[in-house]
Every structure is written in structure tokens, then in C-alpha cells.
Protein backbone atom coordinates (compact mmCIF):
# COMPACT_ATOMS: atom_id res chain seq x y z
CA MET A 1 123.38 125.01 70.13
CA THR A 2 125.71 122.18 69.29
CA GLY A 3 127.07 121.01 66.37
CA ASP A 4 126.79 117.25 66.56
CA THR A 5 122.92 117.18 66.93
CA THR A 6 122.21 119.36 63.79
CA VAL A 7 124.63 118.98 61.20
CA SER A 8 126.37 115.42 62.09
CA GLY A 9 127.11 113.82 58.76
CA ILE A 10 126.60 116.66 56.23
CA SER A 11 129.23 116.96 53.40
CA ILE A 12 131.23 120.13 53.28
CA GLY A 13 132.37 120.89 49.82
CA ILE A 14 135.09 123.94 49.70
CA LEU A 15 135.44 126.01 46.53
CA GLY A 16 138.98 127.23 46.59
CA GLY A 17 139.91 124.55 48.96
CA THR A 18 143.62 124.70 47.62
CA GLY A 19 143.94 128.27 49.11
CA ASP A 20 144.86 128.70 52.45
CA GLN A 21 141.98 129.80 54.21
CA GLY A 22 139.74 127.03 52.41
CA LYS A 23 142.30 124.14 53.15
CA GLY A 24 142.06 125.30 56.84
CA LEU A 25 138.64 124.79 57.05
CA ALA A 26 138.41 121.81 54.96
CA ARG A 27 141.11 120.45 57.71
CA ARG A 28 139.04 121.44 60.75
CA PHE A 29 135.85 119.89 59.41
CA ALA A 30 137.56 116.82 58.13
CA LEU A 31 138.86 116.14 62.01
CA ALA A 32 135.27 116.81 63.16
CA GLY A 33 134.13 113.99 60.89
CA HIS A 34 132.48 115.71 58.06
CA PRO A 35 132.75 114.37 54.91
CA VAL A 36 134.85 117.00 53.07
CA LEU A 37 135.34 117.66 49.35
CA ILE A 38 138.21 120.49 48.16
CA GLY A 39 137.13 121.93 44.89
CA SER A 40 139.72 123.77 42.46
CA ARG A 41 139.89 124.58 38.76
CA SER A 42 142.21 121.71 38.52
CA ALA A 43 141.25 118.18 40.04
CA GLY A 44 144.64 117.36 40.35
CA ARG A 45 145.24 120.32 42.54
CA ALA A 46 142.39 119.64 44.51
CA GLN A 47 143.47 115.73 45.32
CA GLU A 48 147.06 117.00 46.46
CA ALA A 49 145.44 119.30 48.91
CA ALA A 50 142.84 116.68 49.95
CA GLU A 51 145.63 114.00 50.48
CA SER A 52 147.73 116.55 52.50
CA ILE A 53 144.95 116.96 54.92
CA GLY A 54 143.93 113.34 55.28
CA SER A 55 140.94 112.45 57.22
CA GLY A 56 139.03 111.11 54.44
CA ALA A 57 139.04 114.63 52.48
CA ARG A 58 138.60 114.12 48.44
CA GLY A 59 139.39 116.36 45.87
CA ALA A 60 137.81 117.44 42.47
CA GLU A 61 136.85 120.19 40.21
CA ASN A 62 134.64 122.81 41.30
CA ALA A 63 131.83 121.83 39.62
CA VAL A 64 131.62 118.14 40.81
CA VAL A 65 132.14 119.68 44.49
CA ALA A 66 129.28 121.97 43.93
CA THR A 67 126.99 119.16 42.75
CA GLU A 68 127.87 116.32 45.49
CA ALA A 69 128.23 118.47 48.47
CA ASP A 70 125.33 118.71 50.73
CA LEU A 71 126.50 122.66 51.93
CA VAL A 72 129.09 124.40 49.92
CA ILE A 73 131.65 127.04 51.35
CA VAL A 74 133.00 129.64 48.95
CA ALA A 75 136.72 130.80 49.52
CA VAL A 76 138.07 131.70 46.21
CA PRO A 77 140.04 134.86 45.90
CA TYR A 78 137.41 137.78 45.18
CA ASP A 79 138.64 138.53 41.70
CA GLY A 80 137.14 135.17 40.63
CA HIS A 81 134.43 135.19 42.74
CA LYS A 82 131.30 136.37 40.73
CA ALA A 83 132.71 134.72 37.44
CA LEU A 84 132.83 131.47 39.47
CA LEU A 85 129.41 131.57 41.36
CA GLU A 86 127.80 132.38 37.72
CA SER A 87 129.30 129.30 36.11
CA LEU A 88 127.82 127.02 39.32
CA ARG A 89 124.27 128.80 39.60
CA THR A 90 122.66 125.47 38.49
CA GLU A 91 124.82 123.25 40.63
CA LEU A 92 124.24 125.39 43.70
CA ALA A 93 120.59 125.75 43.24
CA GLY A 94 118.78 124.83 46.45
CA LYS A 95 121.83 124.68 48.95
CA ILE A 96 123.43 126.44 51.55
CA VAL A 97 126.00 128.46 50.26
CA VAL A 98 128.40 130.12 52.66
CA ASP A 99 130.76 132.64 51.68
CA CYS A 100 133.71 134.08 53.33
CA VAL A 101 135.11 135.83 50.72
CA ASN A 102 137.22 139.15 51.51
CA PRO A 103 136.93 141.68 49.03
CA LEU A 104 140.69 143.34 50.15
CA GLY A 105 143.11 145.48 48.42
CA PHE A 106 146.78 146.23 49.12
CA ASP A 107 149.02 148.99 49.07
CA LYS A 108 152.18 150.72 51.11
CA GLN A 109 149.98 151.37 53.71
CA GLY A 110 148.43 147.64 54.19
CA ALA A 111 144.96 145.85 53.47
CA TYR A 112 141.71 147.88 52.60
CA ALA A 113 138.43 147.26 52.25
CA LEU A 114 137.18 147.25 48.14
CA PRO A 115 134.16 148.64 47.15
CA VAL A 116 131.67 145.69 46.21
CA GLU A 117 128.76 147.17 43.41
CA GLU A 118 126.44 144.99 45.29
CA GLY A 119 127.13 145.95 49.06
CA SER A 120 129.52 143.33 49.88
CA ALA A 121 130.86 139.77 48.35
CA ALA A 122 128.07 138.07 50.18
CA GLN A 123 125.23 140.17 48.72
CA GLN A 124 126.95 139.57 45.30
CA ALA A 125 126.98 135.87 45.56
CA ALA A 126 122.99 136.18 46.76
CA ALA A 127 122.38 138.31 43.52
CA VAL A 128 124.49 135.85 41.61
CA LEU A 129 122.91 132.63 43.05
CA PRO A 130 118.93 133.48 43.45
CA ASP A 131 118.10 129.68 43.96
CA SER A 132 120.75 129.23 46.72
CA ARG A 133 120.70 129.93 50.21
CA VAL A 134 123.57 132.42 50.68
CA VAL A 135 124.94 132.77 54.08
CA ALA A 136 128.27 134.90 54.71
CA ALA A 137 130.62 133.35 57.79
CA PHE A 138 134.26 132.49 58.56
CA HIS A 139 135.84 135.77 57.52
CA HIS A 140 137.93 136.12 60.28
CA VAL A 141 139.66 132.68 60.47
CA SER A 142 143.39 132.57 60.60
CA ALA A 143 144.59 129.88 58.14
CA VAL A 144 147.83 129.51 59.93
CA VAL A 145 145.81 128.47 63.02
CA LEU A 146 143.42 126.80 61.51
CA MET A 147 146.52 124.51 60.06
CA ASP A 148 148.33 124.23 63.22
CA PRO A 149 148.48 120.53 64.56
CA ALA A 150 149.64 122.45 67.81
CA VAL A 151 146.20 124.26 68.17
CA GLU A 152 143.36 122.14 69.71
CA LYS A 153 141.01 124.66 69.96
CA VAL A 154 140.52 127.81 67.82
CA ASP A 155 140.02 130.83 70.22
CA LEU A 156 137.31 132.51 68.22
CA ASP A 157 133.71 133.64 67.30
CA VAL A 158 132.50 132.86 63.65
CA LEU A 159 130.19 136.11 62.85
CA VAL A 160 127.18 134.39 60.71
CA LEU A 161 125.12 136.70 58.97
CA GLY A 162 122.21 135.92 56.38
CA ASP A 163 118.27 136.24 55.62
CA ASP A 164 117.20 132.49 56.30
CA ARG A 165 117.05 131.55 59.81
CA GLU A 166 117.31 127.69 59.03
CA ALA A 167 120.42 128.09 56.99
CA THR A 168 122.17 130.88 59.78
CA ASP A 169 121.35 128.34 62.32
CA THR A 170 122.82 125.52 60.28
CA VAL A 171 126.02 127.25 59.76
CA GLN A 172 126.22 128.59 63.54
CA ALA A 173 126.44 124.88 64.29
CA LEU A 174 128.51 123.85 61.68
CA ALA A 175 131.17 126.59 63.26
CA SER A 176 130.68 124.92 66.57
CA VAL A 177 132.20 121.88 65.60
CA ILE A 178 135.48 123.34 65.32
CA PRO A 179 136.88 123.20 68.93
CA GLY A 180 136.64 126.47 70.74
CA VAL A 181 134.64 128.04 68.04
CA ARG A 182 131.35 129.64 68.61
CA GLY A 183 129.03 130.43 65.97
CA ILE A 184 127.29 133.75 66.60
CA TYR A 185 124.09 135.23 64.63
CA GLY A 186 125.57 138.37 63.28
CA GLY A 187 122.63 140.15 61.53
CA ARG A 188 121.08 140.30 58.10
CA LEU A 189 123.25 139.44 54.68
CA ARG A 190 122.96 143.31 54.00
CA ASN A 191 125.39 144.07 56.82
CA ALA A 192 127.92 141.78 55.71
CA PHE A 193 129.96 144.41 54.33
CA GLN A 194 131.58 145.49 57.72
CA VAL A 195 132.34 142.03 58.63
CA GLU A 196 133.90 141.45 55.60
CA ALA A 197 136.10 145.00 55.60
CA LEU A 198 136.92 144.15 59.37
CA THR A 199 139.48 141.80 58.09
CA ALA A 200 141.48 144.53 57.05
CA ASN A 201 141.68 145.50 60.45
CA LEU A 202 142.55 142.05 61.66
CA ILE A 203 145.52 142.05 59.13
CA SER A 204 146.67 145.60 60.71
CA ILE A 205 146.53 144.12 64.17
CA ASN A 206 148.43 141.12 63.51
CA ARG A 207 150.92 142.87 61.18
CA ARG A 208 151.30 145.12 64.60
CA TYR A 209 151.20 142.75 67.17
CA LYS A 210 152.81 139.53 65.52
CA ALA A 211 149.46 137.71 66.12
CA HIS A 212 146.87 135.67 64.86
CA ALA A 213 143.90 137.89 65.72
CA GLY A 214 140.47 136.82 66.01
CA VAL A 215 137.08 138.11 67.28
CA ARG A 216 135.46 136.96 70.62
CA VAL A 217 131.64 138.56 70.95
CA THR A 218 131.04 139.47 75.11
CA ASP A 219 127.93 138.62 76.89
CA VAL A 220 126.54 136.18 74.66
């Protein structure tokens, strides 16, 4: 499946687009020719982030982005995740909402996965947004790599999870518009916990090897 045929022209809104991960994804999608809207609590901060990316990206408050974008990526810190989505339930109704939030804690031993009452951040999003099509994806993408102009191809498979086949197909195609990236179906939304939690392992790998590690799936 190629990105161009199925997702050409889709506008992408990124809630939390002023953070490293959100901004990195915004940059790559804008470079691939997609209309990109960066969301933040502050329209000014969102506009600054959009200007730093260029390629036609625009910035606005989260509610405006949630309303205007065809597809919305949630890249906010976990502690503000549930409240933000509850506040945007109406704006996000009927849309594909891609959750890439990793519920992690940090202590002297490093990163570790936090328990989530609903099972995972993605399942929490689905519970809060019953009228949206929630997909989990983009958890293991290095913001440093996404923002690095010297990196033309990103060496990464993006695991895409969800219960709506058309929605997961769309997000797989969207992942594949980033050069070097493949979108790989990774199961139902109920299996999102271990994908989110794996980020803690990757952080440990990065610290030990001074790397920006990603995941590749073999034999697919």
C-alpha cells in the first residue's frame, strides 16, 4: 500500500504539536505535502512552532485544529491526555484520531510504563471519544531523527493498532508517506499497552548505546 493513493491531500492536525514528537511528525508530514495544523493551548506558541517547520504548516488553538483537520494525531503529555480529549469530544466526532501517547514514569532507574485504568492511553482515548475512530500509532518515533534535516530516510516501522480496518489502513498509508517508514498493522486496540510500554525499553536502549533506536518487523 502506498501513501500517495489513499491519503493524498488529507489534512493532519497535531494536538500537542509544539512538543518534540508532535513537531517532528508535523515537519515530516508537511514535507510530504500534507496540509498540517499544529495545535496548542496557546495559539501563539502553535503559530511559532508552525513557522519553525515551514512547508505551509499552520498553528492554532487545539479546538480549532480538532475542528478543521481531516485526521488528528494526539501527541500531548499523558498527564493532560484525558482532560484534553474530553474537552474536544464534539470536535473529534466522526474523525480518525491517532493516539501516540506513551504513559511513562521516570526515576533514578530510568523510564518505566505507568498503569492505565482503561488498559492503555489509546483505550483511554477510545473510552473518552466514543464517536471517533481511535487508532494507536507513532509511539516509537525519535523526535531527534524526525527533526534532523540530515536524515532523509527514517529507518522505522510504525506499529498501527485499532478495531476499524479502514482507519488502520489509512494510518498505515499515512505512516508510509514519511520516507523510509512502513506502517505495519499491529493488532487490535486492546493490545496497545505493550506497544506504549515498549517505549520505556527503547529509552533504555538509547541511553546505553547513545542511539535513537526504532523498531523493524522482520518477514513482512
